[in-house]
Amino acid sequence: MTAGADEHDPSKPSGPGGRDVSDGPDAALARVVREEWGRLVSLLLARFRRLDLVEDALADAVEAAARRWARDGVPDNPAGWLHTTARRRILDRLRGEAMARRKVPLLVVAAEEEGSGAVRADPGDLVEDDLLRLVLMCSHPALDPAAASALTLRLVLGVTTADVARLFLVPEPTMAARLTRAKKKIVTAGIPFAVPAATELPERLDVLAQTAYLAFTAGYAPGSGPDALRAELAGEAVRLVRVVLGLRPGEPVLTALLALMLLQHSRRDARVDAHGAIVLLPDQDRSRWHRDEVDEALALLASPALTGRVTVQAAGYAVQARIAAEHATAPDAASTRWDRVVAHYDTLLRLAPTPSARLARAVAVAEADGPRAGLALLDDLDEQLPHSHRLPAVRAELLSRAGDHDGARAAYAVAIARCANDAERALLTGRRDALDA
């Protein structure tokens, strides 16, 4: 488990490799896919240099694991089992291609140790980190930034294509086609699987920051499935930003992004209750927030890196971090300075007038000036967020506060129908049912 992720529960018995032996086959497989997907991709890619074969072989290995582990039990080293199975699939495919005399472009690799499947950095490389190599390959300037971010979520963190599509607010077939084009671009353009030289790194930073924040968002806003959050994904995104910031100390976009991530990540232990149900911000036990991370984030916001001229992207992260800081420094929910939160959102909207920011500002206005004031700001957002469940969820909450329970029930029905995450749907259903009570 990486730094920042949920710690292993010492109450659970562990097998070799840190595996929870109490996990059933399905849970064990889901765990290893979540935690090791990026490393498995990078190890196989380092050896075989075939992005098309690597992803297909890993998918085949996961399907095989679902069948075999249910019958034979979970192996002592689940990640090693997937790696070995995927490697054999790739070797079978390569033998078949050799017999058919097929020619396929190869990825460029910085250096390869035959037989080990691992890559070690050349002396001129900046850091030895296979996962970082994979991220930087996906963040190459030859790729469209949106495609680069989506590809990194898919390859590095194993986020499903459906969930990546939800993050980008596009249909799943559109995202699948976008990912396919990006992978073909990596192969045909000969984009290297390597950490770039120090002189080439700055041009990757904005895309890398966008990628890391989208990965972080995927951890705290899962598009589908049973989990209310996936803190290990968010923790991995924090780690990646820390690694690159260590290479580029004082880089404004990374400084601001790390501050934002830390403030949001500091609340991870209070976001769900003992049963996995979502706990909303006003109801969270603030004693469970990680105050050391809050303090680190506040120091980053006050650092010289953010006092001068910065890019729009860095300024946007900094403003979002200051919004999060208003919550982090308030002793309780009632003490939140909502007028300052609204002012920060006004600044954010001047930098990046996105529908999501407008929705968040409407919530802040409702807290500052009452639910009717917030509702007035939602009317023209339906066309911009036609598939979002959060817009009708916010509308339902504000209608409920305003005393329009029939309108609130109707809005909750829309939100529940659109919501694909089990924990969020349970929360919305409970709040709707509470209206009847």
Protein backbone atom coordinates (compact mmCIF):
# COMPACT_ATOMS: atom_id res chain seq x y z
CA MET A 1 0.00 0.00 0.00
CA THR A 2 1.39 3.37 -0.94
CA ALA A 3 1.86 6.37 1.29
CA GLY A 4 -1.40 8.12 1.96
CA ALA A 5 -3.56 5.10 1.27
CA ASP A 6 -5.63 3.33 3.88
CA GLU A 7 -3.35 1.40 6.21
CA HIS A 8 -3.57 -2.37 6.42
CA ASP A 9 -5.95 -3.50 9.12
CA PRO A 10 -3.83 -5.29 11.76
CA SER A 11 -6.90 -7.17 12.95
CA LYS A 12 -7.00 -9.17 9.72
CA PRO A 13 -4.76 -12.23 9.36
CA SER A 14 -2.13 -11.79 6.66
CA GLY A 15 -0.68 -14.30 4.25
CA PRO A 16 2.59 -14.07 2.31
CA GLY A 17 3.03 -10.76 0.50
CA GLY A 18 0.70 -8.96 2.89
CA ARG A 19 -2.42 -10.58 1.47
CA ASP A 20 -5.47 -10.59 3.75
CA VAL A 21 -6.24 -14.28 4.02
CA SER A 22 -9.74 -13.36 5.13
CA ASP A 23 -10.39 -12.02 1.63
CA GLY A 24 -12.54 -14.19 -0.59
CA PRO A 25 -11.46 -14.73 -4.21
CA ASP A 26 -13.53 -11.85 -5.60
CA ALA A 27 -12.35 -9.40 -2.94
CA ALA A 28 -8.73 -10.48 -3.33
CA LEU A 29 -8.87 -10.04 -7.09
CA ALA A 30 -10.50 -6.63 -6.81
CA ARG A 31 -7.86 -5.57 -4.29
CA VAL A 32 -4.88 -6.59 -6.40
CA VAL A 33 -6.33 -4.98 -9.52
CA ARG A 34 -6.86 -1.72 -7.62
CA GLU A 35 -3.47 -1.66 -5.97
CA GLU A 36 -1.12 -3.28 -8.49
CA TRP A 37 -2.54 -2.62 -11.96
CA GLY A 38 -0.15 0.20 -12.83
CA ARG A 39 2.91 -1.67 -11.62
CA LEU A 40 1.90 -4.78 -13.55
CA VAL A 41 1.43 -2.73 -16.72
CA SER A 42 4.80 -1.02 -16.28
CA LEU A 43 6.69 -4.27 -15.59
CA LEU A 44 5.23 -6.03 -18.62
CA LEU A 45 5.65 -2.98 -20.81
CA ALA A 46 9.29 -2.65 -19.78
CA ARG A 47 9.99 -6.18 -20.94
CA PHE A 48 7.81 -6.62 -24.02
CA ARG A 49 7.39 -3.03 -25.34
CA ARG A 50 3.95 -3.86 -26.72
CA LEU A 51 1.19 -1.73 -25.22
CA ASP A 52 -1.50 -3.58 -27.17
CA LEU A 53 -0.40 -6.98 -25.90
CA VAL A 54 0.18 -5.87 -22.31
CA GLU A 55 -3.30 -4.53 -21.65
CA ASP A 56 -5.03 -7.43 -23.42
CA ALA A 57 -2.89 -9.98 -21.58
CA LEU A 58 -3.61 -8.43 -18.18
CA ALA A 59 -7.32 -8.40 -18.93
CA ASP A 60 -7.10 -12.09 -19.88
CA ALA A 61 -5.17 -12.79 -16.67
CA VAL A 62 -7.85 -11.13 -14.56
CA GLU A 63 -10.56 -13.19 -16.27
CA ALA A 64 -8.55 -16.35 -15.67
CA ALA A 65 -8.04 -15.41 -12.01
CA ALA A 66 -11.78 -14.98 -11.53
CA ARG A 67 -12.28 -18.58 -12.62
CA ARG A 68 -9.22 -20.25 -11.11
CA TRP A 69 -9.17 -18.54 -7.71
CA ALA A 70 -12.81 -19.40 -7.11
CA ARG A 71 -11.94 -23.05 -7.71
CA ASP A 72 -8.40 -23.38 -6.30
CA GLY A 73 -8.26 -20.57 -3.76
CA VAL A 74 -6.36 -17.28 -3.75
CA PRO A 75 -2.60 -17.75 -4.38
CA ASP A 76 -0.05 -16.57 -1.84
CA ASN A 77 1.15 -13.86 -4.23
CA PRO A 78 -1.88 -12.65 -6.21
CA ALA A 79 0.01 -9.91 -8.09
CA GLY A 80 2.74 -12.38 -9.03
CA TRP A 81 0.11 -14.84 -10.29
CA LEU A 82 -1.40 -12.15 -12.55
CA HIS A 83 2.04 -11.10 -13.78
CA THR A 84 3.06 -14.67 -14.64
CA THR A 85 -0.24 -15.44 -16.35
CA ALA A 86 -0.16 -12.22 -18.39
CA ARG A 87 3.49 -12.83 -19.34
CA ARG A 88 2.64 -16.28 -20.65
CA ARG A 89 -0.27 -14.85 -22.67
CA ILE A 90 2.07 -12.31 -24.26
CA LEU A 91 4.69 -14.95 -25.07
CA ASP A 92 2.02 -17.10 -26.72
CA ARG A 93 0.89 -14.15 -28.82
CA LEU A 94 4.45 -13.28 -29.82
CA ARG A 95 5.14 -16.85 -30.89
CA GLY A 96 1.97 -16.79 -32.99
CA GLU A 97 2.96 -13.51 -34.59
CA ALA A 98 6.46 -14.78 -35.32
CA MET A 99 5.04 -17.79 -37.08
CA ALA A 100 2.77 -15.55 -39.16
CA ARG A 101 5.72 -13.17 -39.84
CA ARG A 102 3.74 -10.17 -38.62
CA LYS A 103 5.53 -6.87 -38.08
CA VAL A 104 4.29 -4.57 -35.31
CA PRO A 105 5.84 -1.26 -34.13
CA LEU A 106 7.57 -1.45 -30.76
CA LEU A 107 7.70 1.06 -27.96
CA VAL A 108 11.03 2.70 -27.21
CA VAL A 109 12.41 1.62 -23.82
CA ALA A 110 15.08 3.44 -21.88
CA ALA A 111 16.87 0.25 -20.81
CA GLU A 112 15.90 -3.41 -20.39
CA GLU A 113 17.18 -6.21 -18.23
CA GLU A 114 16.27 -9.37 -20.11
CA GLY A 115 14.73 -12.09 -18.01
CA SER A 116 13.77 -9.89 -15.07
CA GLY A 117 10.99 -7.93 -16.74
CA ALA A 118 12.22 -4.82 -14.93
CA VAL A 119 13.67 -1.54 -16.16
CA ARG A 120 16.37 0.37 -14.32
CA ALA A 121 17.08 4.01 -14.92
CA ASP A 122 20.02 5.13 -17.04
CA PRO A 123 22.50 7.37 -15.20
CA GLY A 124 20.90 10.40 -16.83
CA ASP A 125 17.42 9.51 -15.68
CA LEU A 126 15.89 11.56 -12.89
CA VAL A 127 14.31 8.87 -10.72
CA GLU A 128 13.89 5.11 -10.66
CA ASP A 129 10.16 4.61 -10.62
CA ASP A 130 8.45 2.36 -13.16
CA LEU A 131 5.05 3.82 -12.36
CA LEU A 132 6.33 7.35 -12.94
CA ARG A 133 7.76 6.23 -16.30
CA LEU A 134 4.32 5.03 -17.27
CA VAL A 135 2.69 8.29 -16.18
CA LEU A 136 5.21 10.40 -18.09
CA MET A 137 4.81 8.26 -21.19
CA CYS A 138 1.07 8.90 -21.02
CA SER A 139 1.73 12.63 -20.44
CA HIS A 140 3.87 13.06 -23.55
CA PRO A 141 3.28 16.38 -25.40
CA ALA A 142 2.40 14.48 -28.58
CA LEU A 143 -0.80 13.29 -26.90
CA ASP A 144 -3.89 15.42 -26.46
CA PRO A 145 -4.01 16.45 -22.76
CA ALA A 146 -7.51 15.07 -22.20
CA ALA A 147 -6.56 11.78 -23.87
CA ALA A 148 -3.35 11.65 -21.84
CA SER A 149 -5.23 12.03 -18.58
CA ALA A 150 -7.78 9.41 -19.52
CA LEU A 151 -5.09 6.99 -20.64
CA THR A 152 -3.15 7.41 -17.40
CA LEU A 153 -6.26 6.64 -15.35
CA ARG A 154 -6.83 3.50 -17.40
CA LEU A 155 -3.25 2.19 -17.63
CA VAL A 156 -1.67 3.39 -14.41
CA LEU A 157 -4.55 3.08 -11.96
CA GLY A 158 -6.78 0.53 -13.65
CA VAL A 159 -9.88 2.77 -13.58
CA THR A 160 -12.47 1.17 -15.85
CA THR A 161 -13.29 2.76 -19.16
CA ALA A 162 -16.85 3.34 -17.96
CA ASP A 163 -15.67 5.24 -14.88
CA VAL A 164 -13.15 7.27 -16.89
CA ALA A 165 -16.00 8.23 -19.20
CA ARG A 166 -18.05 9.44 -16.24
CA LEU A 167 -15.17 11.57 -15.01
CA PHE A 168 -14.94 13.22 -18.42
CA LEU A 169 -18.73 13.44 -18.80
CA VAL A 170 -18.75 11.57 -22.13
CA PRO A 171 -20.45 8.33 -23.24
CA GLU A 172 -18.46 5.14 -22.68
CA PRO A 173 -18.07 4.32 -26.44
CA THR A 174 -16.62 7.80 -26.99
CA MET A 175 -14.07 7.27 -24.23
CA ALA A 176 -13.20 3.78 -25.47
CA ALA A 177 -12.44 5.20 -28.92
CA ARG A 178 -10.39 8.03 -27.38
CA LEU A 179 -8.29 5.56 -25.37
CA THR A 180 -7.68 3.40 -28.43
CA ARG A 181 -6.50 6.40 -30.45
CA ALA A 182 -4.16 7.47 -27.65
CA LYS A 183 -2.58 4.01 -27.39
CA LYS A 184 -2.06 3.87 -31.15
CA LYS A 185 -0.46 7.32 -31.01
CA ILE A 186 2.05 6.14 -28.39
CA VAL A 187 3.09 3.23 -30.63
CA THR A 188 3.17 5.02 -33.98
CA ALA A 189 4.94 8.13 -32.61
CA GLY A 190 7.56 6.04 -30.79
CA ILE A 191 6.84 7.76 -27.47
CA PRO A 192 9.47 6.40 -25.05
CA PHE A 193 8.72 4.47 -21.88
CA ALA A 194 11.25 6.53 -19.92
CA VAL A 195 11.66 9.41 -17.51
CA PRO A 196 12.56 12.45 -19.67
CA ALA A 197 15.67 14.53 -19.16
CA ALA A 198 15.47 17.49 -16.80
CA THR A 199 15.22 19.88 -19.73
CA GLU A 200 12.17 18.06 -21.12
CA LEU A 201 10.25 17.64 -17.89
CA PRO A 202 8.65 21.13 -17.55
CA GLU A 203 6.51 20.71 -20.67
CA ARG A 204 4.98 17.61 -19.12
CA LEU A 205 4.11 19.17 -15.77
CA ASP A 206 0.74 20.73 -16.62
CA VAL A 207 -0.54 17.53 -18.22
CA LEU A 208 0.92 15.45 -15.40
CA ALA A 209 -0.79 17.68 -12.82
CA GLN A 210 -4.11 17.39 -14.63
CA THR A 211 -3.65 13.63 -14.82
CA ALA A 212 -2.81 13.31 -11.13
CA TYR A 213 -5.80 15.38 -10.07
CA LEU A 214 -8.17 13.36 -12.23
CA ALA A 215 -6.76 10.21 -10.65
CA PHE A 216 -7.27 11.76 -7.24
CA THR A 217 -10.85 12.63 -8.20
CA ALA A 218 -11.41 9.04 -9.28
CA GLY A 219 -10.51 7.98 -5.76
CA TYR A 220 -12.99 10.28 -4.05
CA ALA A 221 -15.78 10.19 -6.62
CA PRO A 222 -16.00 6.60 -7.93
CA GLY A 223 -18.33 6.58 -10.90
CA SER A 224 -19.74 3.15 -10.16
CA GLY A 225 -19.45 0.19 -7.85
CA PRO A 226 -19.96 -0.33 -4.12
CA ASP A 227 -17.18 1.88 -2.70
CA ALA A 228 -17.90 5.34 -1.34
CA LEU A 229 -14.25 6.17 -1.88
CA ARG A 230 -11.01 4.52 -2.99
CA ALA A 231 -8.43 6.17 -0.79
CA GLU A 232 -5.60 4.09 -2.25
CA LEU A 233 -6.13 5.74 -5.66
CA ALA A 234 -6.04 9.17 -4.10
CA GLY A 235 -2.96 8.21 -2.08
CA GLU A 236 -1.19 7.07 -5.25
CA ALA A 237 -1.97 10.39 -6.93
CA VAL A 238 -0.54 12.24 -3.93
CA ARG A 239 2.60 10.10 -4.12
CA LEU A 240 3.11 10.85 -7.80
CA VAL A 241 2.84 14.58 -7.21
CA ARG A 242 5.30 14.36 -4.30
CA VAL A 243 7.81 12.46 -6.45
CA VAL A 244 7.73 14.98 -9.29
CA LEU A 245 7.71 17.96 -6.91
CA GLY A 246 10.87 16.48 -5.41
CA LEU A 247 12.40 16.73 -8.88
CA ARG A 248 11.08 20.25 -9.44
CA PRO A 249 11.06 21.95 -6.00
CA GLY A 250 8.92 25.05 -5.85
CA GLU A 251 7.09 24.34 -9.12
CA PRO A 252 3.86 26.38 -8.68
CA VAL A 253 1.43 24.00 -10.39
CA LEU A 254 2.66 21.03 -8.33
CA THR A 255 2.86 23.05 -5.11
CA ALA A 256 -0.73 24.24 -5.47
CA LEU A 257 -1.98 20.80 -6.50
CA LEU A 258 -0.29 19.05 -3.59
CA ALA A 259 -1.83 21.56 -1.17
CA LEU A 260 -5.29 20.90 -2.64
CA MET A 261 -4.86 17.13 -2.55
CA LEU A 262 -3.59 17.09 1.02
CA LEU A 263 -6.49 19.19 2.30
CA GLN A 264 -9.03 16.90 0.68
CA HIS A 265 -7.15 13.68 1.47
CA SER A 266 -6.77 14.69 5.14
CA ARG A 267 -10.48 13.90 5.66
CA ARG A 268 -10.33 10.33 4.34
CA ASP A 269 -10.87 8.59 7.69
CA ALA A 270 -13.99 10.64 8.44
CA ARG A 271 -15.68 10.37 5.03
CA VAL A 272 -17.40 7.02 5.73
CA ASP A 273 -18.76 5.40 8.87
CA ALA A 274 -18.01 1.93 10.23
CA HIS A 275 -20.50 0.40 7.78
CA GLY A 276 -19.08 2.13 4.71
CA ALA A 277 -21.86 4.70 4.47
CA ILE A 278 -20.98 8.22 3.31
CA VAL A 279 -20.65 10.87 6.02
CA LEU A 280 -21.23 14.37 4.64
CA LEU A 281 -18.81 17.18 5.46
CA PRO A 282 -20.98 18.91 8.12
CA ASP A 283 -21.39 15.62 9.99
CA GLN A 284 -17.78 14.45 9.90
CA ASP A 285 -15.79 13.91 13.09
CA ARG A 286 -13.11 16.57 12.62
CA SER A 287 -10.89 14.97 15.23
CA ARG A 288 -10.28 12.20 12.67
CA TRP A 289 -8.93 14.61 10.07
CA HIS A 290 -5.17 14.32 9.54
CA ARG A 291 -4.01 17.63 10.98
CA ASP A 292 -0.39 17.11 9.94
CA GLU A 293 -1.52 17.06 6.31
CA VAL A 294 -3.68 20.15 6.84
CA ASP A 295 -0.69 21.99 8.33
CA GLU A 296 1.56 20.90 5.46
CA ALA A 297 -1.02 22.11 2.93
CA LEU A 298 -1.41 25.50 4.62
CA ALA A 299 2.39 25.92 4.56
CA LEU A 300 2.44 25.10 0.85
CA LEU A 301 -0.24 27.74 0.18
CA ALA A 302 1.88 30.33 1.99
CA SER A 303 5.11 29.32 0.21
CA PRO A 304 6.98 31.70 -2.15
CA ALA A 305 6.10 29.41 -5.06
CA LEU A 306 2.52 30.74 -5.03
CA THR A 307 3.15 34.40 -4.18
CA GLY A 308 4.35 35.45 -7.64
CA ARG A 309 3.05 35.12 -11.15
CA VAL A 310 1.63 31.64 -11.83
CA THR A 311 -0.20 29.89 -14.65
CA VAL A 312 -3.98 29.77 -14.81
CA GLN A 313 -3.86 26.06 -13.96
CA ALA A 314 -1.71 26.66 -10.87
CA ALA A 315 -3.95 29.55 -9.79
CA GLY A 316 -7.01 27.35 -10.18
CA TYR A 317 -5.56 24.64 -7.95
CA ALA A 318 -4.52 27.26 -5.40
CA VAL A 319 -8.03 28.77 -5.24
CA GLN A 320 -9.60 25.33 -4.81
CA ALA A 321 -7.08 24.64 -2.05
CA ARG A 322 -8.06 27.87 -0.29
CA ILE A 323 -11.71 26.80 -0.46
CA ALA A 324 -10.76 23.48 1.15
CA ALA A 325 -8.69 25.38 3.72
CA GLU A 326 -11.77 27.31 4.85
CA HIS A 327 -13.34 23.98 5.83
CA ALA A 328 -10.11 22.58 7.28
CA THR A 329 -9.52 25.55 9.59
CA ALA A 330 -13.12 25.95 10.80
CA PRO A 331 -13.47 24.32 14.26
CA ASP A 332 -16.94 23.06 13.30
CA ALA A 333 -19.34 23.24 10.36
CA ALA A 334 -21.28 26.16 11.83
CA SER A 335 -18.11 28.25 11.96
CA THR A 336 -17.38 27.96 8.23
CA ARG A 337 -16.94 31.39 6.67
CA TRP A 338 -19.26 30.88 3.72
CA ASP A 339 -18.88 34.45 2.48
CA ARG A 340 -15.19 33.76 1.92
CA VAL A 341 -15.97 30.45 0.25
CA VAL A 342 -18.31 32.22 -2.18
CA ALA A 343 -15.63 34.84 -2.90
CA HIS A 344 -13.12 32.10 -3.67
CA TYR A 345 -15.59 30.47 -6.05
CA ASP A 346 -16.06 33.82 -7.78
CA THR A 347 -12.31 33.87 -8.38
CA LEU A 348 -12.31 30.27 -9.55
CA LEU A 349 -15.09 30.94 -12.06
CA ARG A 350 -13.08 33.80 -13.55
CA LEU A 351 -10.20 31.38 -14.05
CA ALA A 352 -12.19 28.35 -15.18
CA PRO A 353 -15.96 28.83 -15.63
CA THR A 354 -16.90 25.14 -15.50
CA PRO A 355 -20.40 23.80 -14.76
CA SER A 356 -19.07 21.84 -11.76
CA ALA A 357 -17.61 25.02 -10.24
CA ARG A 358 -20.91 26.83 -10.80
CA LEU A 359 -22.77 24.02 -9.03
CA ALA A 360 -20.37 24.17 -6.09
CA ARG A 361 -20.73 27.93 -5.89
CA ALA A 362 -24.53 27.55 -5.78
CA VAL A 363 -24.14 25.29 -2.74
CA ALA A 364 -21.92 27.87 -1.05
CA VAL A 365 -24.38 30.68 -1.83
CA ALA A 366 -27.19 28.58 -0.34
CA GLU A 367 -25.17 28.19 2.85
CA ALA A 368 -24.43 31.91 2.99
CA ASP A 369 -27.77 33.38 1.85
CA GLY A 370 -30.37 30.60 2.13
CA PRO A 371 -31.67 27.77 -0.08
CA ARG A 372 -33.75 29.98 -2.40
CA ALA A 373 -30.64 31.96 -3.35
CA GLY A 374 -28.85 28.73 -4.20
CA LEU A 375 -31.78 27.33 -6.18
CA ALA A 376 -31.88 30.42 -8.39
CA LEU A 377 -28.37 29.59 -9.58
CA LEU A 378 -29.24 26.04 -10.70
CA ASP A 379 -31.84 26.81 -13.34
CA ASP A 380 -29.53 27.01 -16.36
CA LEU A 381 -27.20 24.15 -15.40
CA ASP A 382 -29.38 21.27 -16.63
CA GLU A 383 -28.21 21.58 -20.24
CA GLN A 384 -24.56 21.72 -19.14
CA LEU A 385 -24.84 18.73 -16.76
CA PRO A 386 -27.46 16.54 -18.45
CA HIS A 387 -26.22 13.24 -17.01
CA SER A 388 -24.94 14.34 -13.62
CA HIS A 389 -26.69 12.99 -10.53
CA ARG A 390 -25.15 15.72 -8.37
CA LEU A 391 -27.18 18.56 -9.89
CA PRO A 392 -30.59 17.01 -9.05
CA ALA A 393 -29.17 15.90 -5.67
CA VAL A 394 -28.23 19.48 -4.80
CA ARG A 395 -31.60 20.71 -6.08
CA ALA A 396 -33.39 18.13 -3.93
CA GLU A 397 -31.49 19.16 -0.80
CA LEU A 398 -32.15 22.86 -1.33
CA LEU A 399 -35.84 22.28 -2.14
CA SER A 400 -36.12 20.25 1.06
CA ARG A 401 -34.57 23.08 3.08
CA ALA A 402 -36.94 25.52 1.41
CA GLY A 403 -39.95 23.42 2.47
CA ASP A 404 -40.86 22.08 -0.99
CA HIS A 405 -40.89 18.39 -0.12
CA ASP A 406 -42.78 17.29 -3.24
CA GLY A 407 -40.23 19.01 -5.44
CA ALA A 408 -37.43 17.53 -3.37
CA ARG A 409 -38.82 13.99 -3.79
CA ALA A 410 -39.01 14.44 -7.57
CA ALA A 411 -35.44 15.74 -7.71
CA TYR A 412 -34.18 12.89 -5.53
CA ALA A 413 -35.85 10.41 -7.90
CA VAL A 414 -33.87 11.86 -10.82
CA ALA A 415 -30.62 11.83 -8.84
CA ILE A 416 -31.11 8.23 -7.69
CA ALA A 417 -31.88 7.08 -11.24
CA ARG A 418 -28.71 8.67 -12.56
CA CYS A 419 -26.39 7.59 -9.75
CA ALA A 420 -24.24 4.51 -10.49
CA ASN A 421 -22.37 4.41 -7.17
CA ASP A 422 -23.97 2.19 -4.54
CA ALA A 423 -22.88 4.26 -1.52
CA GLU A 424 -24.04 7.55 -3.01
CA ARG A 425 -27.32 6.01 -4.12
CA ALA A 426 -27.92 4.71 -0.60
CA LEU A 427 -27.27 8.19 0.80
CA LEU A 428 -29.69 9.80 -1.66
CA THR A 429 -32.34 7.15 -1.01
CA GLY A 430 -32.02 7.68 2.75
CA ARG A 431 -32.41 11.43 2.45
CA ARG A 432 -35.45 11.00 0.20
CA ASP A 433 -37.03 8.55 2.63
CA ALA A 434 -36.36 10.94 5.50
CA LEU A 435 -38.72 13.43 3.84
CA ASP A 436 -41.60 11.01 4.40
CA ALA A 437 -40.61 10.54 8.00
